[in-house]
Amino acid sequence: MNQDRAAGTPTARPAGDYGIDAPRLLIVPAVLIVGSITQAVVQRTFWPLVGVALILACCVLALYASRVGKFVVWGRLLDGLNLRGNENIVDLGCGRGALLISAAQRVPTGRAVGVDLWRADQSGNSPDATMRNAAAAGVTDRVELHTGNLLELPLADESFDVVVSNVAMHNLKAQKDRDRAIDEAARVLRPGGRLLIADLGGTRQYQQRLRHLGMLDVSRRNLGWRLWWSGPWLSTHLVSARKPS
């Protein structure tokens, strides 16, 4: 193992196997590609192949975001927090630990806690897979996992300096549930603590809810092409805020 990684030094992509996000959605483009190729052969026309090229381009963007882009973007976001290194950070919907372990690398005397229900939103998603990745990155000593729902976090009030989440809250379909998840994120955040939530949808609602809760410096912005999940029409936005001291 690389000595820097063994020491938990931040890297562009932590050592480990982080799978592919939303693997079940790959069925849709696969069916469309097969159907288009079949149509091209039967009708002896190349036009359906144009559609195949576009679908493949969208798949490449999604694969890049899943395997590379999210590590680059979140590395910059975490570095932008100017952490002291002793903070407690919680990742809501941590999956196999891409964001969680990147955070743990930046708090050598702190703690990185992940909460998830370990469903199939990510290939091979499980607590064991996440802890294997933590071991590969050399941060097992500061990583802690909880099985829990974002609507009722198994965490104490005001126990974290930073709350982060990457493309997880949109899985809550009801508006009241998304509001409740934001309430829970604010509840576990310490006074003066910072919150960063990235998602594909619902971010304007998150922004409004955080303002309703009295959070400060609430902002929303597009995270750019590195987190395009099939093109600019399905891009990731970041909502950030600070809890009043």
Protein backbone atom coordinates (compact mmCIF):
# COMPACT_ATOMS: atom_id res chain seq x y z
CA MET A 1 0.00 0.00 0.00
CA ASN A 2 1.21 3.50 -0.80
CA GLN A 3 2.64 5.08 2.37
CA ASP A 4 0.70 8.35 1.92
CA ARG A 5 -2.55 6.46 1.49
CA ALA A 6 -1.78 4.28 4.50
CA ALA A 7 -1.43 7.47 6.54
CA GLY A 8 -4.77 8.77 5.27
CA THR A 9 -3.25 11.60 3.24
CA PRO A 10 -5.87 13.19 0.95
CA THR A 11 -5.65 11.95 -2.63
CA ALA A 12 -7.66 12.78 -5.74
CA ARG A 13 -9.34 9.38 -5.40
CA PRO A 14 -8.89 7.39 -2.18
CA ALA A 15 -7.71 3.80 -2.51
CA GLY A 16 -10.56 1.29 -2.64
CA ASP A 17 -13.41 0.05 -4.81
CA TYR A 18 -16.33 2.48 -4.94
CA GLY A 19 -18.55 0.75 -7.48
CA ILE A 20 -20.91 2.51 -9.89
CA ASP A 21 -23.73 4.82 -8.89
CA ALA A 22 -27.30 3.83 -9.83
CA PRO A 23 -26.30 0.60 -11.64
CA ARG A 24 -29.92 -0.42 -12.21
CA LEU A 25 -30.43 2.60 -14.45
CA LEU A 26 -27.95 1.10 -16.94
CA ILE A 27 -30.73 -1.25 -18.02
CA VAL A 28 -32.57 1.63 -19.72
CA PRO A 29 -29.76 2.75 -22.09
CA ALA A 30 -28.87 -0.89 -22.77
CA VAL A 31 -32.43 -1.60 -23.96
CA LEU A 32 -32.49 1.59 -26.04
CA ILE A 33 -29.16 0.76 -27.69
CA VAL A 34 -30.25 -2.78 -28.59
CA GLY A 35 -33.56 -1.46 -29.93
CA SER A 36 -31.88 1.24 -32.04
CA ILE A 37 -29.33 -1.15 -33.52
CA THR A 38 -32.09 -3.61 -34.35
CA GLN A 39 -34.07 -0.82 -36.02
CA ALA A 40 -31.03 0.24 -38.04
CA VAL A 41 -30.48 -3.31 -39.30
CA VAL A 42 -34.14 -4.00 -40.11
CA GLN A 43 -34.76 -0.67 -41.83
CA ARG A 44 -31.27 -0.47 -43.36
CA THR A 45 -30.74 3.09 -42.22
CA PHE A 46 -28.02 4.70 -40.15
CA TRP A 47 -30.23 7.26 -38.38
CA PRO A 48 -30.99 5.08 -35.34
CA LEU A 49 -27.21 4.80 -34.86
CA VAL A 50 -27.09 8.54 -34.22
CA GLY A 51 -29.30 7.88 -31.23
CA VAL A 52 -26.97 5.09 -30.14
CA ALA A 53 -24.03 7.53 -30.22
CA LEU A 54 -25.93 10.04 -28.09
CA ILE A 55 -26.92 7.38 -25.57
CA LEU A 56 -23.32 6.18 -25.34
CA ALA A 57 -22.14 9.76 -24.79
CA CYS A 58 -24.60 10.12 -21.90
CA CYS A 59 -23.36 6.83 -20.43
CA VAL A 60 -19.75 8.02 -20.62
CA LEU A 61 -20.66 11.24 -18.77
CA ALA A 62 -22.45 9.29 -16.05
CA LEU A 63 -19.57 6.83 -15.71
CA TYR A 64 -17.07 9.68 -15.47
CA ALA A 65 -19.14 11.43 -12.79
CA SER A 66 -19.41 8.19 -10.81
CA ARG A 67 -15.80 7.04 -11.09
CA VAL A 68 -13.82 10.29 -11.31
CA GLY A 69 -15.82 13.51 -11.25
CA LYS A 70 -17.32 13.24 -7.78
CA PHE A 71 -13.90 12.66 -6.23
CA VAL A 72 -12.42 15.73 -7.92
CA VAL A 73 -15.36 18.01 -7.09
CA TRP A 74 -15.76 16.91 -3.48
CA GLY A 75 -12.02 17.03 -2.89
CA ARG A 76 -12.09 20.70 -3.82
CA LEU A 77 -15.20 21.36 -1.73
CA LEU A 78 -13.70 19.74 1.35
CA ASP A 79 -10.40 21.56 0.89
CA GLY A 80 -12.37 24.79 0.59
CA LEU A 81 -13.67 24.32 4.13
CA ASN A 82 -10.15 24.92 5.51
CA LEU A 83 -10.61 22.22 8.12
CA ARG A 84 -8.39 22.17 11.22
CA GLY A 85 -8.23 18.37 11.14
CA ASN A 86 -10.07 17.61 14.38
CA GLU A 87 -13.65 18.05 13.14
CA ASN A 88 -16.47 15.54 13.32
CA ILE A 89 -18.05 15.09 9.87
CA VAL A 90 -21.15 13.11 8.94
CA ASP A 91 -21.99 11.90 5.42
CA LEU A 92 -25.71 11.30 4.89
CA GLY A 93 -26.25 8.45 2.43
CA CYS A 94 -22.57 7.50 2.42
CA GLY A 95 -22.80 4.39 0.22
CA ARG A 96 -19.40 2.74 -0.24
CA GLY A 97 -17.66 5.77 1.21
CA ALA A 98 -16.40 7.91 -1.67
CA LEU A 99 -17.20 11.17 0.13
CA LEU A 100 -16.97 9.72 3.64
CA ILE A 101 -13.39 8.51 3.19
CA SER A 102 -12.32 11.68 1.40
CA ALA A 103 -13.57 13.55 4.46
CA ALA A 104 -11.84 11.16 6.86
CA GLN A 105 -8.52 11.78 5.12
CA ARG A 106 -8.83 15.46 6.02
CA VAL A 107 -9.54 15.00 9.76
CA PRO A 108 -6.59 12.97 11.13
CA THR A 109 -7.65 13.68 14.73
CA GLY A 110 -11.36 13.91 14.03
CA ARG A 111 -14.14 11.51 13.10
CA ALA A 112 -16.03 10.71 9.89
CA VAL A 113 -19.43 9.10 10.35
CA GLY A 114 -21.48 7.55 7.56
CA VAL A 115 -25.23 6.88 7.62
CA ASP A 116 -26.96 4.73 5.01
CA LEU A 117 -29.69 2.13 4.51
CA TRP A 118 -27.30 0.16 2.23
CA ARG A 119 -29.71 -0.20 -0.67
CA ALA A 120 -28.83 -0.85 -4.31
CA ASP A 121 -28.38 2.80 -5.33
CA GLN A 122 -24.72 1.90 -5.66
CA SER A 123 -23.29 -1.39 -6.89
CA GLY A 124 -22.08 -3.68 -4.08
CA ASN A 125 -23.38 -1.29 -1.42
CA SER A 126 -22.81 -2.60 2.15
CA PRO A 127 -21.13 -1.61 5.45
CA ASP A 128 -18.44 -4.24 4.86
CA ALA A 129 -17.57 -2.76 1.46
CA THR A 130 -17.32 0.71 2.99
CA MET A 131 -15.04 -0.45 5.79
CA ARG A 132 -12.82 -2.30 3.29
CA ASN A 133 -12.42 0.98 1.43
CA ALA A 134 -11.64 2.77 4.69
CA ALA A 135 -8.94 0.19 5.39
CA ALA A 136 -7.48 0.55 1.89
CA ALA A 137 -7.28 4.33 2.40
CA GLY A 138 -5.77 3.98 5.87
CA VAL A 139 -8.57 5.74 7.78
CA THR A 140 -10.34 2.90 9.62
CA ASP A 141 -9.47 4.41 12.98
CA ARG A 142 -11.57 7.52 12.31
CA VAL A 143 -14.50 6.07 10.32
CA GLU A 144 -17.76 5.01 11.95
CA LEU A 145 -20.89 3.63 10.24
CA HIS A 146 -24.55 3.65 11.21
CA THR A 147 -27.50 1.98 9.53
CA GLY A 148 -30.21 4.58 9.61
CA ASN A 149 -32.85 6.58 7.81
CA LEU A 150 -32.27 10.21 6.79
CA LEU A 151 -35.67 11.00 8.31
CA GLU A 152 -34.55 9.95 11.79
CA LEU A 153 -30.78 10.03 12.12
CA PRO A 154 -29.35 7.82 14.89
CA LEU A 155 -27.14 10.72 15.98
CA ALA A 156 -27.10 13.18 18.87
CA ASP A 157 -28.12 16.82 18.59
CA GLU A 158 -25.38 19.27 17.61
CA SER A 159 -22.70 16.58 17.40
CA PHE A 160 -21.04 17.42 14.05
CA ASP A 161 -18.98 20.31 12.73
CA VAL A 162 -19.77 19.47 9.10
CA VAL A 163 -22.71 17.70 7.46
CA VAL A 164 -22.30 16.52 3.85
CA SER A 165 -24.41 14.53 1.43
CA ASN A 166 -23.92 13.59 -2.21
CA VAL A 167 -26.86 12.73 -4.48
CA ALA A 168 -28.86 10.95 -1.78
CA MET A 169 -31.81 13.04 -0.59
CA HIS A 170 -33.60 13.00 -3.97
CA ASN A 171 -34.41 9.35 -3.22
CA LEU A 172 -36.98 10.69 -0.75
CA LYS A 173 -39.95 11.25 -3.06
CA ALA A 174 -42.31 13.20 -0.79
CA GLN A 175 -41.63 16.89 -0.17
CA LYS A 176 -42.42 16.51 3.54
CA ASP A 177 -39.81 13.75 3.78
CA ARG A 178 -37.15 15.90 2.11
CA ASP A 179 -37.99 18.74 4.50
CA ARG A 180 -37.67 16.37 7.43
CA ALA A 181 -34.29 15.13 6.18
CA ILE A 182 -33.07 18.74 6.01
CA ASP A 183 -34.39 19.30 9.54
CA GLU A 184 -32.44 16.28 10.73
CA ALA A 185 -29.26 17.46 9.01
CA ALA A 186 -29.62 20.83 10.76
CA ARG A 187 -30.37 19.16 14.09
CA VAL A 188 -27.09 17.22 14.24
CA LEU A 189 -25.02 20.23 13.13
CA ARG A 190 -23.22 22.19 15.82
CA PRO A 191 -23.62 25.97 16.12
CA GLY A 192 -21.25 27.53 13.63
CA GLY A 193 -21.08 24.26 11.69
CA ARG A 194 -21.34 23.99 7.91
CA LEU A 195 -23.62 21.96 5.69
CA LEU A 196 -23.03 20.93 2.06
CA ILE A 197 -25.70 18.97 0.20
CA ALA A 198 -25.27 18.05 -3.47
CA ASP A 199 -28.18 16.58 -5.38
CA LEU A 200 -29.79 16.16 -8.79
CA GLY A 201 -33.13 17.62 -7.81
CA GLY A 202 -34.94 19.30 -4.95
CA THR A 203 -32.09 21.67 -4.22
CA ARG A 204 -34.26 24.80 -4.37
CA GLN A 205 -36.51 23.17 -1.78
CA TYR A 206 -33.48 22.42 0.42
CA GLN A 207 -32.42 26.05 0.08
CA GLN A 208 -35.85 27.30 1.14
CA ARG A 209 -36.06 24.90 4.07
CA LEU A 210 -32.64 25.90 5.39
CA ARG A 211 -33.64 29.57 5.28
CA HIS A 212 -36.87 28.68 7.09
CA LEU A 213 -34.75 27.04 9.81
CA GLY A 214 -32.74 30.22 10.25
CA MET A 215 -29.51 28.96 8.71
CA LEU A 216 -27.01 31.55 7.50
CA ASP A 217 -25.13 32.02 4.21
CA VAL A 218 -27.56 29.73 2.37
CA SER A 219 -26.54 29.40 -1.29
CA ARG A 220 -27.09 27.16 -4.29
CA ARG A 221 -24.83 26.62 -7.30
CA ASN A 222 -24.19 24.24 -10.18
CA LEU A 223 -21.18 21.96 -9.63
CA GLY A 224 -20.30 21.84 -13.32
CA TRP A 225 -19.66 19.28 -16.02
CA ARG A 226 -17.73 16.86 -13.82
CA LEU A 227 -21.03 15.97 -12.18
CA TRP A 228 -23.24 15.76 -15.26
CA TRP A 229 -25.04 12.43 -14.95
CA SER A 230 -26.18 12.31 -18.58
CA GLY A 231 -25.73 15.87 -19.79
CA PRO A 232 -26.35 19.44 -18.61
CA TRP A 233 -30.06 18.68 -18.17
CA LEU A 234 -29.18 16.28 -15.32
CA SER A 235 -26.47 18.16 -13.46
CA THR A 236 -25.68 18.34 -9.76
CA HIS A 237 -26.29 21.45 -7.66
CA LEU A 238 -24.77 22.21 -4.27
CA VAL A 239 -26.68 23.80 -1.42
CA SER A 240 -24.48 25.12 1.37
CA ALA A 241 -25.28 26.82 4.66
CA ARG A 242 -23.91 27.67 8.11
CA LYS A 243 -25.66 27.17 11.45
CA PRO A 244 -25.84 30.30 13.62
CA SER A 245 -23.34 30.33 16.46
